[in-house]
Amino acid sequence: MLSSIGFPGLILILIIALVIFGPKKLPEIGKAAGQTLREFRKSTHDLTNDDTEGTNETKKSEAK
């Protein structure tokens, strides 16, 4: 995903964010974005694990 933006594009986005939000708010926004991404990944991982466990239980019951 970031590879399509490229390094210069990423720097430009960071500079624009710094100008819009200011140096005091930028760390707070980054922290909130990181927490949101972490929660999303955790939820996605939990859903895929639940789906995998359900599939394995179905296969075990069909084999009996």
Protein backbone atom coordinates (compact mmCIF):
# COMPACT_ATOMS: atom_id res chain seq x y z
CA MET A 1 0.00 0.00 0.00
CA LEU A 2 2.70 2.50 0.97
CA SER A 3 4.90 1.37 -1.88
CA SER A 4 2.45 2.87 -4.37
CA ILE A 5 2.66 6.26 -2.63
CA GLY A 6 6.43 6.37 -2.56
CA PHE A 7 8.74 8.11 -0.15
CA PRO A 8 8.33 11.65 -1.56
CA GLY A 9 4.55 11.30 -1.44
CA LEU A 10 4.68 10.13 2.15
CA ILE A 11 6.86 13.09 3.13
CA LEU A 12 4.42 15.46 1.40
CA ILE A 13 1.47 13.96 3.29
CA LEU A 14 3.31 14.31 6.60
CA ILE A 15 4.19 17.96 5.88
CA ILE A 16 0.58 18.77 4.96
CA ALA A 17 -0.66 17.05 8.14
CA LEU A 18 1.87 19.02 10.19
CA VAL A 19 0.68 22.30 8.67
CA ILE A 20 -3.02 21.47 9.14
CA PHE A 21 -2.94 19.98 12.64
CA GLY A 22 0.17 21.56 14.12
CA PRO A 23 3.04 19.96 16.00
CA LYS A 24 1.11 19.53 19.27
CA LYS A 25 -1.83 17.58 17.80
CA LEU A 26 0.12 15.41 15.35
CA PRO A 27 1.40 12.88 17.97
CA GLU A 28 -2.11 12.51 19.39
CA ILE A 29 -3.54 11.86 15.93
CA GLY A 30 -0.79 9.32 15.20
CA LYS A 31 -1.45 7.52 18.47
CA ALA A 32 -5.20 7.37 17.79
CA ALA A 33 -4.59 6.09 14.26
CA GLY A 34 -2.24 3.41 15.59
CA GLN A 35 -4.75 2.25 18.19
CA THR A 36 -7.50 2.10 15.59
CA LEU A 37 -5.32 0.06 13.22
CA ARG A 38 -4.32 -2.28 16.06
CA GLU A 39 -7.96 -2.88 17.02
CA PHE A 40 -8.90 -3.49 13.38
CA ARG A 41 -6.11 -6.05 12.95
CA LYS A 42 -7.07 -7.77 16.20
CA SER A 43 -10.73 -7.98 15.17
CA THR A 44 -9.81 -9.29 11.74
CA HIS A 45 -7.49 -11.89 13.27
CA ASP A 46 -10.18 -12.98 15.74
CA LEU A 47 -12.74 -13.33 12.95
CA THR A 48 -10.43 -15.42 10.80
CA ASN A 49 -9.55 -17.63 13.78
CA ASP A 50 -13.24 -18.14 14.59
CA ASP A 51 -13.94 -19.04 10.97
CA THR A 52 -11.00 -21.46 10.83
CA GLU A 53 -12.06 -23.14 14.09
CA GLY A 54 -15.62 -23.52 12.82
CA THR A 55 -14.37 -25.10 9.60
CA ASN A 56 -12.14 -27.54 11.51
CA GLU A 57 -15.00 -28.57 13.82
CA THR A 58 -17.27 -29.17 10.80
CA LYS A 59 -14.66 -31.37 9.14
CA LYS A 60 -14.16 -33.38 12.36
CA SER A 61 -17.90 -33.98 12.78
CA GLU A 62 -18.25 -35.01 9.10
CA ALA A 63 -15.36 -37.49 9.44
CA LYS A 64 -17.06 -39.34 12.30
